[in-house]
Amino acid sequence: MSKFFDVEEVDFDLLGAKNPMRSVLEGYVRTLAEEGKGFTFGRRVDDRQVDVLKLEDNVGQVLGNKFKMFYPNVSPYLAAAKYFLRDFLCYIEVPTFHTERETGLKKASYTKFLATANLEVANFWVDGDLSETVSKYEKSVIYFDEVETDDYEVPILKLGSNKNGRSITRPRSYLDLSKKGTRVVPVFALKSYVDTLYKRIHSDVARVTFIKDNGTLRELDTCMSEELLVDLYKDSSFVAGMLESAYDGDFLGSKVIDRGYIRVPEVGSSIYDGSGIRAISYTRIAKTQYGVEPDMEFARVDLDGVVFSFSSKLSKLTLDEVGRVANALVADGFDVSSLIDSEGRHKFQIDSYQLENWADLMNRVLSTTFQRNLYLFMVSNPQWFGGYTGERVSLASEVNLGRFNSASILDDLDDLE
């Protein structure tokens, strides 16, 4: 058997088997993080992600083929996925859809969870007694190694948490690895990647590009250096609040480890933002650039108030002026196809209420990106939005912003969806 896998006696921890393969892959992933490249094992969410299974070792052997000694005559993806589930803690993504409550529209999403077929790993997860864990859950995964080599369905245990702490659950059905878009990533590789990224952003501003659940691309500048952040914001109290709410470097202790994201400062976010942090889906990173110059243009813009201010200004315009605003939005590249056809004809007479509803919907779909673009549009068109600067001007405005407010601790998750 290849020395890539073998040791005389394998020890386990929460992440899984402590064998040479794990150390080698951790090293590859660490290097990719240093080079600013995203990674995956077999199935990409973006073409820029490096498929580790296609990398070659120092003697020219493709890494993915090494897993086929356990599961011959199948793809490297299936062989690796089964091997990882058998001996390691794994992060799983399964494509699904969810329906938006407000619009009734179906949106692409993912079911995300941690899983394993290894009872020692499961026992480490709940910090339990191994004999009790084996007695309780062995029947659920005992047939893992008896599944046909080319069978895509495998038994697993889901590892999560409830009000009593960490938990193990038995899924009603096997995990189907053939489902398009399903990804299996060993958590030891994710930890290695995030640890490296976390270290780098303590000395650099990094621009992280990742893919949201709906397939759109998101760029986010981030940094964990208090010194650099204070120099950029000139506001030590705001920076302190950002860092207090951000990821603390304890990867395995994270309460959202099963969701595949960390919460980090967004450099350039508004000082009016209640937290100043956003979520990065580290399993879906396409690339990272270190040492970038952040865009601070919106640092003193009340982004939560942009849509409200837009609506407020619209309500004071005539029908003719509202129509010209809609035309100008199209000219600036906004998607106003629900109101204006591809030939530039209005589908009906556009009033302020309809344009306000359009802005509300776009805000829910595109969130921060839309808010920033709408702010730039408004300050560039003083003939309709005279006096608007983007700054928070009154308590009344804050009160009326309730439905747009993103200061809650969970709001940053819109960047993942």
Protein backbone atom coordinates (compact mmCIF):
# COMPACT_ATOMS: atom_id res chain seq x y z
CA MET A 1 0.00 0.00 0.00
CA SER A 2 1.23 3.50 -0.79
CA LYS A 3 3.15 5.34 1.93
CA PHE A 4 0.82 8.20 1.06
CA PHE A 5 -1.72 6.47 3.29
CA ASP A 6 0.06 3.93 5.44
CA VAL A 7 1.35 4.12 8.99
CA GLU A 8 1.92 1.20 11.31
CA GLU A 9 -0.80 2.27 13.70
CA VAL A 10 -3.19 5.06 12.83
CA ASP A 11 -4.26 7.49 15.54
CA PHE A 12 -7.40 9.58 15.20
CA ASP A 13 -8.49 13.02 16.35
CA LEU A 14 -11.57 15.10 15.58
CA LEU A 15 -10.37 15.74 12.04
CA GLY A 16 -9.80 12.04 11.34
CA ALA A 17 -6.90 9.70 10.65
CA LYS A 18 -3.47 11.18 11.39
CA ASN A 19 -1.72 9.62 8.42
CA PRO A 20 0.83 10.88 5.85
CA MET A 21 -1.90 11.58 3.27
CA ARG A 22 -3.50 14.13 5.58
CA SER A 23 -0.19 15.91 6.17
CA VAL A 24 0.58 16.00 2.43
CA LEU A 25 -2.80 17.42 1.49
CA GLU A 26 -2.63 20.00 4.31
CA GLY A 27 0.65 21.15 2.80
CA TYR A 28 -0.79 21.46 -0.70
CA VAL A 29 -3.78 23.43 0.56
CA ARG A 30 -1.59 25.68 2.71
CA THR A 31 0.45 26.56 -0.38
CA LEU A 32 -2.69 27.30 -2.40
CA ALA A 33 -3.88 29.67 0.33
CA GLU A 34 -0.52 31.46 0.32
CA GLU A 35 -0.73 31.77 -3.47
CA GLY A 36 -4.26 33.17 -3.27
CA LYS A 37 -5.93 30.23 -5.02
CA GLY A 38 -9.18 28.58 -4.01
CA PHE A 39 -9.38 24.81 -3.90
CA THR A 40 -11.75 21.88 -4.08
CA PHE A 41 -11.71 18.10 -4.35
CA GLY A 42 -13.26 17.04 -7.64
CA ARG A 43 -16.11 19.46 -8.18
CA ARG A 44 -15.57 23.18 -8.62
CA VAL A 45 -17.94 26.06 -7.96
CA ASP A 46 -15.67 28.27 -10.08
CA ASP A 47 -13.16 27.45 -12.82
CA ARG A 48 -10.44 29.28 -10.92
CA GLN A 49 -10.56 26.81 -8.05
CA VAL A 50 -7.71 24.30 -8.07
CA ASP A 51 -8.86 20.67 -8.05
CA VAL A 52 -6.39 19.11 -5.62
CA LEU A 53 -7.17 15.66 -7.02
CA LYS A 54 -5.62 16.72 -10.34
CA LEU A 55 -2.34 17.90 -8.84
CA GLU A 56 0.78 15.79 -9.28
CA ASP A 57 3.18 14.75 -6.54
CA ASN A 58 6.98 15.09 -6.76
CA VAL A 59 7.28 11.98 -8.95
CA GLY A 60 4.53 12.96 -11.36
CA GLN A 61 1.71 10.83 -9.97
CA VAL A 62 -1.76 12.40 -10.01
CA LEU A 63 -3.02 12.65 -6.44
CA GLY A 64 -6.59 11.64 -7.24
CA ASN A 65 -5.47 8.31 -8.70
CA LYS A 66 -3.94 7.30 -5.38
CA PHE A 67 -7.41 6.94 -3.85
CA LYS A 68 -8.39 4.40 -6.49
CA MET A 69 -6.39 1.69 -4.75
CA PHE A 70 -9.30 1.57 -2.29
CA TYR A 71 -12.07 2.04 -4.84
CA PRO A 72 -10.84 0.86 -8.28
CA ASN A 73 -12.63 1.45 -11.57
CA VAL A 74 -14.32 4.65 -10.41
CA SER A 75 -13.53 8.35 -10.85
CA PRO A 76 -10.94 9.98 -8.59
CA TYR A 77 -13.77 12.15 -7.19
CA LEU A 78 -15.87 9.19 -6.06
CA ALA A 79 -12.86 7.29 -4.73
CA ALA A 80 -11.62 10.29 -2.74
CA ALA A 81 -15.08 11.22 -1.45
CA LYS A 82 -15.64 7.70 -0.12
CA TYR A 83 -12.18 7.57 1.41
CA PHE A 84 -12.59 10.93 3.13
CA LEU A 85 -16.00 9.97 4.54
CA ARG A 86 -14.66 6.65 5.77
CA ASP A 87 -11.78 8.08 7.80
CA PHE A 88 -12.30 11.82 8.27
CA LEU A 89 -14.59 14.64 9.33
CA CYS A 90 -16.06 16.04 6.11
CA TYR A 91 -17.90 19.17 5.03
CA ILE A 92 -20.77 18.41 2.65
CA GLU A 93 -22.67 20.65 0.22
CA VAL A 94 -25.78 19.36 -1.53
CA PRO A 95 -27.59 21.61 -4.07
CA THR A 96 -31.19 22.49 -3.32
CA PHE A 97 -33.69 25.34 -3.73
CA HIS A 98 -35.56 27.47 -1.25
CA THR A 99 -38.53 29.73 -1.79
CA GLU A 100 -38.29 33.37 -0.76
CA ARG A 101 -41.08 34.26 1.62
CA GLU A 102 -41.47 37.79 0.32
CA THR A 103 -41.39 37.10 -3.43
CA GLY A 104 -42.33 33.44 -3.78
CA LEU A 105 -39.34 33.03 -6.11
CA LYS A 106 -37.19 29.91 -5.98
CA LYS A 107 -33.52 30.55 -5.29
CA ALA A 108 -30.60 28.18 -5.68
CA SER A 109 -29.16 27.21 -2.34
CA TYR A 110 -27.24 24.42 -0.62
CA THR A 111 -27.82 22.09 2.26
CA LYS A 112 -24.59 22.23 4.26
CA PHE A 113 -23.50 19.93 7.05
CA LEU A 114 -20.65 17.92 8.57
CA ALA A 115 -20.58 14.16 8.19
CA THR A 116 -18.48 11.05 8.62
CA ALA A 117 -18.79 7.28 8.50
CA ASN A 118 -16.04 6.93 11.11
CA LEU A 119 -17.20 6.21 14.65
CA GLU A 120 -14.01 7.51 16.27
CA VAL A 121 -14.43 10.86 14.53
CA ALA A 122 -18.10 10.97 15.52
CA ASN A 123 -17.15 10.23 19.11
CA PHE A 124 -14.58 13.04 19.14
CA TRP A 125 -17.29 15.39 17.86
CA VAL A 126 -19.50 14.81 20.90
CA ASP A 127 -16.57 14.21 23.29
CA GLY A 128 -18.25 10.98 24.32
CA ASP A 129 -17.42 7.46 25.43
CA LEU A 130 -16.29 5.48 22.39
CA SER A 131 -17.92 2.21 23.46
CA GLU A 132 -21.26 3.99 23.92
CA THR A 133 -20.98 5.76 20.56
CA VAL A 134 -20.13 2.49 18.82
CA SER A 135 -23.02 0.70 20.49
CA LYS A 136 -25.48 3.43 19.51
CA TYR A 137 -24.41 4.23 15.95
CA GLU A 138 -22.45 1.28 14.56
CA LYS A 139 -25.46 -0.21 12.78
CA SER A 140 -25.90 3.03 10.82
CA VAL A 141 -22.51 2.89 9.11
CA ILE A 142 -21.37 -0.73 9.50
CA TYR A 143 -22.06 -1.46 5.84
CA PHE A 144 -20.01 1.47 4.51
CA ASP A 145 -17.15 -0.79 3.34
CA GLU A 146 -19.59 -3.32 1.90
CA VAL A 147 -21.12 -0.80 -0.50
CA GLU A 148 -20.18 -1.63 -4.08
CA THR A 149 -17.08 0.20 -5.29
CA ASP A 150 -19.00 2.07 -7.99
CA ASP A 151 -22.09 2.78 -5.89
CA TYR A 152 -22.60 6.49 -5.34
CA GLU A 153 -24.84 6.12 -2.28
CA VAL A 154 -23.12 5.71 1.09
CA PRO A 155 -24.24 5.59 4.74
CA ILE A 156 -23.10 8.49 6.93
CA LEU A 157 -23.64 10.11 10.29
CA LYS A 158 -24.49 13.81 10.38
CA LEU A 159 -22.63 15.85 12.98
CA GLY A 160 -24.35 18.98 14.20
CA SER A 161 -25.53 20.71 17.33
CA ASN A 162 -28.69 21.34 19.31
CA LYS A 163 -29.65 23.07 22.54
CA ASN A 164 -27.73 20.44 24.51
CA GLY A 165 -24.51 20.84 22.55
CA ARG A 166 -22.95 18.83 19.75
CA SER A 167 -24.98 15.96 18.36
CA ILE A 168 -24.93 12.93 16.07
CA THR A 169 -27.92 12.08 13.90
CA ARG A 170 -28.72 9.19 11.56
CA PRO A 171 -29.99 10.37 8.15
CA ARG A 172 -33.05 8.54 6.85
CA SER A 173 -31.31 7.86 3.55
CA TYR A 174 -27.79 7.38 2.26
CA LEU A 175 -25.79 10.33 0.93
CA ASP A 176 -26.00 10.35 -2.88
CA LEU A 177 -22.60 11.37 -4.20
CA SER A 178 -23.84 11.31 -7.80
CA LYS A 179 -26.11 14.34 -7.37
CA LYS A 180 -24.76 17.14 -9.52
CA GLY A 181 -23.00 19.80 -7.47
CA THR A 182 -22.56 17.67 -4.35
CA ARG A 183 -19.17 18.34 -2.78
CA VAL A 184 -17.21 16.46 -0.13
CA VAL A 185 -14.27 18.32 1.41
CA PRO A 186 -12.23 16.99 4.35
CA VAL A 187 -12.34 19.50 7.19
CA PHE A 188 -8.60 19.12 7.87
CA ALA A 189 -8.01 20.74 4.45
CA LEU A 190 -10.44 23.57 5.19
CA LYS A 191 -8.76 24.22 8.54
CA SER A 192 -5.34 24.36 6.90
CA TYR A 193 -6.63 26.84 4.32
CA VAL A 194 -8.45 29.10 6.78
CA ASP A 195 -5.55 29.07 9.27
CA THR A 196 -3.24 30.30 6.50
CA LEU A 197 -5.68 32.96 5.27
CA TYR A 198 -6.28 34.15 8.83
CA LYS A 199 -2.55 34.55 9.42
CA ARG A 200 -2.07 36.50 6.20
CA ILE A 201 -4.87 39.00 6.84
CA HIS A 202 -3.25 39.95 10.13
CA SER A 203 -0.59 41.74 8.11
CA ASP A 204 -2.31 42.49 4.78
CA VAL A 205 -5.55 43.73 3.33
CA ALA A 206 -6.83 40.86 1.17
CA ARG A 207 -9.44 40.89 -1.58
CA VAL A 208 -11.33 37.60 -1.38
CA THR A 209 -13.45 36.51 -4.34
CA PHE A 210 -15.98 33.79 -3.62
CA ILE A 211 -19.14 32.37 -5.14
CA LYS A 212 -22.44 32.90 -3.35
CA ASP A 213 -24.97 30.10 -3.12
CA ASN A 214 -27.00 31.61 -5.98
CA GLY A 215 -23.97 31.46 -8.26
CA THR A 216 -23.11 35.16 -8.24
CA LEU A 217 -19.59 36.38 -7.59
CA ARG A 218 -18.78 38.38 -4.45
CA GLU A 219 -15.60 40.37 -3.80
CA LEU A 220 -14.78 41.40 -0.26
CA ASP A 221 -11.77 43.26 1.12
CA THR A 222 -10.80 42.12 4.59
CA CYS A 223 -8.11 42.55 7.21
CA MET A 224 -7.61 41.52 10.85
CA SER A 225 -4.84 44.00 11.69
CA GLU A 226 -6.09 46.54 14.21
CA GLU A 227 -3.27 48.90 13.27
CA LEU A 228 -4.10 48.84 9.55
CA LEU A 229 -7.83 49.18 10.16
CA VAL A 230 -7.47 52.17 12.49
CA ASP A 231 -5.20 53.83 9.93
CA LEU A 232 -7.88 53.37 7.27
CA TYR A 233 -10.94 54.33 9.31
CA LYS A 234 -9.48 56.84 11.78
CA ASP A 235 -12.03 55.45 14.23
CA SER A 236 -10.65 53.08 16.87
CA SER A 237 -14.01 52.37 18.50
CA PHE A 238 -15.59 51.23 15.22
CA VAL A 239 -12.56 49.03 14.49
CA ALA A 240 -12.69 47.52 17.97
CA GLY A 241 -16.32 46.59 17.41
CA MET A 242 -15.49 44.97 14.07
CA LEU A 243 -12.73 42.82 15.51
CA GLU A 244 -14.76 41.85 18.58
CA SER A 245 -17.50 40.40 16.37
CA ALA A 246 -15.18 38.72 13.87
CA TYR A 247 -13.77 35.20 13.61
CA ASP A 248 -11.25 34.60 16.41
CA GLY A 249 -9.06 31.96 14.76
CA ASP A 250 -10.54 28.99 16.63
CA PHE A 251 -11.62 26.98 13.59
CA LEU A 252 -12.73 23.80 15.35
CA GLY A 253 -14.46 25.78 18.08
CA SER A 254 -16.57 27.80 15.63
CA LYS A 255 -20.31 27.46 16.16
CA VAL A 256 -20.86 27.70 12.39
CA ILE A 257 -18.20 25.23 11.26
CA ASP A 258 -20.95 23.14 9.67
CA ARG A 259 -22.02 26.12 7.52
CA GLY A 260 -18.62 26.65 5.90
CA TYR A 261 -18.06 30.33 6.60
CA ILE A 262 -16.21 32.75 8.84
CA ARG A 263 -17.20 36.31 9.70
CA VAL A 264 -14.52 38.93 9.02
CA PRO A 265 -14.22 42.73 8.86
CA GLU A 266 -15.20 44.15 5.50
CA VAL A 267 -12.67 46.88 4.80
CA GLY A 268 -14.53 49.78 3.25
CA SER A 269 -17.83 48.95 4.93
CA SER A 270 -19.78 51.86 6.29
CA ILE A 271 -19.20 53.19 9.79
CA TYR A 272 -22.99 53.17 10.06
CA ASP A 273 -22.97 49.40 9.70
CA GLY A 274 -23.81 47.93 13.08
CA SER A 275 -21.08 45.29 12.84
CA GLY A 276 -18.84 46.11 9.90
CA ILE A 277 -18.37 42.41 9.27
CA ARG A 278 -19.47 40.02 6.55
CA ALA A 279 -19.38 36.29 5.97
CA ILE A 280 -16.85 34.65 3.67
CA SER A 281 -17.71 31.19 2.41
CA TYR A 282 -14.23 29.69 2.59
CA THR A 283 -15.34 26.50 0.83
CA ARG A 284 -16.30 28.57 -2.22
CA ILE A 285 -13.29 30.90 -2.58
CA ALA A 286 -12.15 31.41 -6.18
CA LYS A 287 -9.12 33.57 -5.52
CA THR A 288 -7.51 35.91 -2.99
CA GLN A 289 -5.28 38.92 -3.65
CA TYR A 290 -3.04 40.08 -0.80
CA GLY A 291 -1.78 43.60 -0.26
CA VAL A 292 -4.60 45.37 -2.12
CA GLU A 293 -5.59 49.02 -1.77
CA PRO A 294 -9.13 48.95 -0.33
CA ASP A 295 -11.93 51.13 -1.63
CA MET A 296 -12.95 53.44 1.22
CA GLU A 297 -15.43 55.46 -0.87
CA PHE A 298 -18.43 54.08 1.03
CA ALA A 299 -16.92 54.13 4.52
CA ARG A 300 -19.06 57.14 5.53
CA VAL A 301 -22.15 56.26 3.53
CA ASP A 302 -25.22 54.97 5.35
CA LEU A 303 -25.80 52.02 3.02
CA ASP A 304 -28.79 50.82 5.01
CA GLY A 305 -30.47 54.14 4.26
CA VAL A 306 -29.79 54.28 0.52
CA VAL A 307 -33.00 52.56 -0.61
CA PHE A 308 -35.07 54.55 1.88
CA SER A 309 -33.55 57.82 0.65
CA PHE A 310 -34.14 56.76 -2.96
CA SER A 311 -37.82 56.11 -2.19
CA SER A 312 -38.16 59.33 -0.26
CA LYS A 313 -36.75 61.40 -3.12
CA LEU A 314 -38.88 59.57 -5.72
CA SER A 315 -42.07 60.44 -3.85
CA LYS A 316 -41.39 64.12 -4.52
CA LEU A 317 -40.95 63.72 -8.30
CA THR A 318 -43.54 64.01 -11.04
CA LEU A 319 -44.55 60.98 -13.14
CA ASP A 320 -42.49 62.31 -16.03
CA GLU A 321 -39.43 62.67 -13.80
CA VAL A 322 -39.87 59.17 -12.39
CA GLY A 323 -39.92 57.82 -15.95
CA ARG A 324 -36.66 59.64 -16.72
CA VAL A 325 -35.10 58.19 -13.54
CA ALA A 326 -36.04 54.70 -14.75
CA ASN A 327 -34.45 55.40 -18.14
CA ALA A 328 -31.30 56.69 -16.48
CA LEU A 329 -31.08 53.55 -14.33
CA VAL A 330 -31.12 51.43 -17.49
CA ALA A 331 -28.43 53.63 -19.04
CA ASP A 332 -26.29 53.12 -15.91
CA GLY A 333 -26.51 49.34 -16.25
CA PHE A 334 -29.19 48.53 -13.68
CA ASP A 335 -31.53 45.63 -14.45
CA VAL A 336 -34.93 47.29 -14.79
CA SER A 337 -36.32 44.63 -17.15
CA SER A 338 -39.41 44.17 -14.99
CA LEU A 339 -40.46 47.71 -15.94
CA ILE A 340 -38.73 48.45 -19.26
CA ASP A 341 -38.33 46.09 -22.23
CA SER A 342 -35.13 45.42 -24.19
CA GLU A 343 -36.05 48.15 -26.71
CA GLY A 344 -36.24 50.76 -23.96
CA ARG A 345 -40.06 50.94 -23.99
CA HIS A 346 -41.89 51.24 -20.69
CA LYS A 347 -44.18 48.25 -20.18
CA PHE A 348 -46.62 50.58 -18.46
CA GLN A 349 -46.56 54.05 -16.95
CA ILE A 350 -43.96 53.87 -14.21
CA ASP A 351 -44.81 55.67 -10.99
CA SER A 352 -42.78 56.14 -7.83
CA TYR A 353 -44.45 53.21 -6.08
CA GLN A 354 -43.43 50.77 -8.82
CA LEU A 355 -39.86 52.03 -8.87
CA GLU A 356 -39.70 51.83 -5.08
CA ASN A 357 -40.85 48.19 -5.22
CA TRP A 358 -38.21 47.49 -7.84
CA ALA A 359 -35.52 48.96 -5.58
CA ASP A 360 -36.79 47.00 -2.60
CA LEU A 361 -36.59 43.72 -4.53
CA MET A 362 -33.14 44.44 -5.95
CA ASN A 363 -31.95 45.34 -2.46
CA ARG A 364 -33.04 41.95 -1.13
CA VAL A 365 -31.41 40.10 -4.01
CA LEU A 366 -28.13 42.01 -4.38
CA SER A 367 -27.86 43.65 -0.94
CA THR A 368 -24.60 45.59 -0.48
CA THR A 369 -23.67 45.62 -4.17
CA PHE A 370 -26.99 47.21 -5.10
CA GLN A 371 -26.84 49.71 -2.25
CA ARG A 372 -23.42 50.96 -3.35
CA ASN A 373 -24.40 51.26 -7.01
CA LEU A 374 -27.63 53.05 -6.15
CA TYR A 375 -25.75 55.51 -3.93
CA LEU A 376 -23.39 56.35 -6.81
CA PHE A 377 -26.35 56.80 -9.12
CA MET A 378 -28.08 59.17 -6.73
CA VAL A 379 -25.09 61.43 -6.04
CA SER A 380 -24.44 61.54 -9.81
CA ASN A 381 -27.96 62.81 -10.51
CA PRO A 382 -28.59 65.84 -8.27
CA GLN A 383 -31.38 67.02 -10.60
CA TRP A 384 -33.56 64.33 -8.97
CA PHE A 385 -31.71 63.61 -5.73
CA GLY A 386 -30.48 67.06 -4.75
CA GLY A 387 -28.98 67.35 -1.27
CA TYR A 388 -28.34 63.63 -0.92
CA THR A 389 -24.82 62.86 0.38
CA GLY A 390 -25.17 59.33 1.71
CA GLU A 391 -24.51 60.37 5.31
CA ARG A 392 -26.98 59.61 8.07
CA VAL A 393 -28.83 62.81 8.76
CA SER A 394 -31.51 62.29 11.38
CA LEU A 395 -32.98 59.96 13.95
CA ALA A 396 -36.21 59.93 11.95
CA SER A 397 -34.39 58.35 9.04
CA GLU A 398 -32.97 55.66 11.29
CA VAL A 399 -36.39 54.82 12.69
CA ASN A 400 -37.89 54.53 9.21
CA LEU A 401 -35.10 52.25 8.05
CA GLY A 402 -36.31 49.31 10.10
CA ARG A 403 -37.09 47.04 7.20
CA PHE A 404 -33.75 47.77 5.51
CA ASN A 405 -31.54 47.63 8.59
CA SER A 406 -28.69 45.13 8.30
CA ALA A 407 -27.12 45.62 11.69
CA SER A 408 -28.26 42.28 13.06
CA ILE A 409 -25.63 39.68 13.71
CA LEU A 410 -27.04 37.37 11.01
CA ASP A 411 -27.43 39.90 8.23
CA ASP A 412 -24.00 39.24 6.77
CA LEU A 413 -25.29 35.83 5.68
CA ASP A 414 -27.01 37.49 2.72
CA ASP A 415 -23.56 37.54 1.15
CA LEU A 416 -23.64 33.73 1.04
CA GLU A 417 -27.07 33.37 -0.49
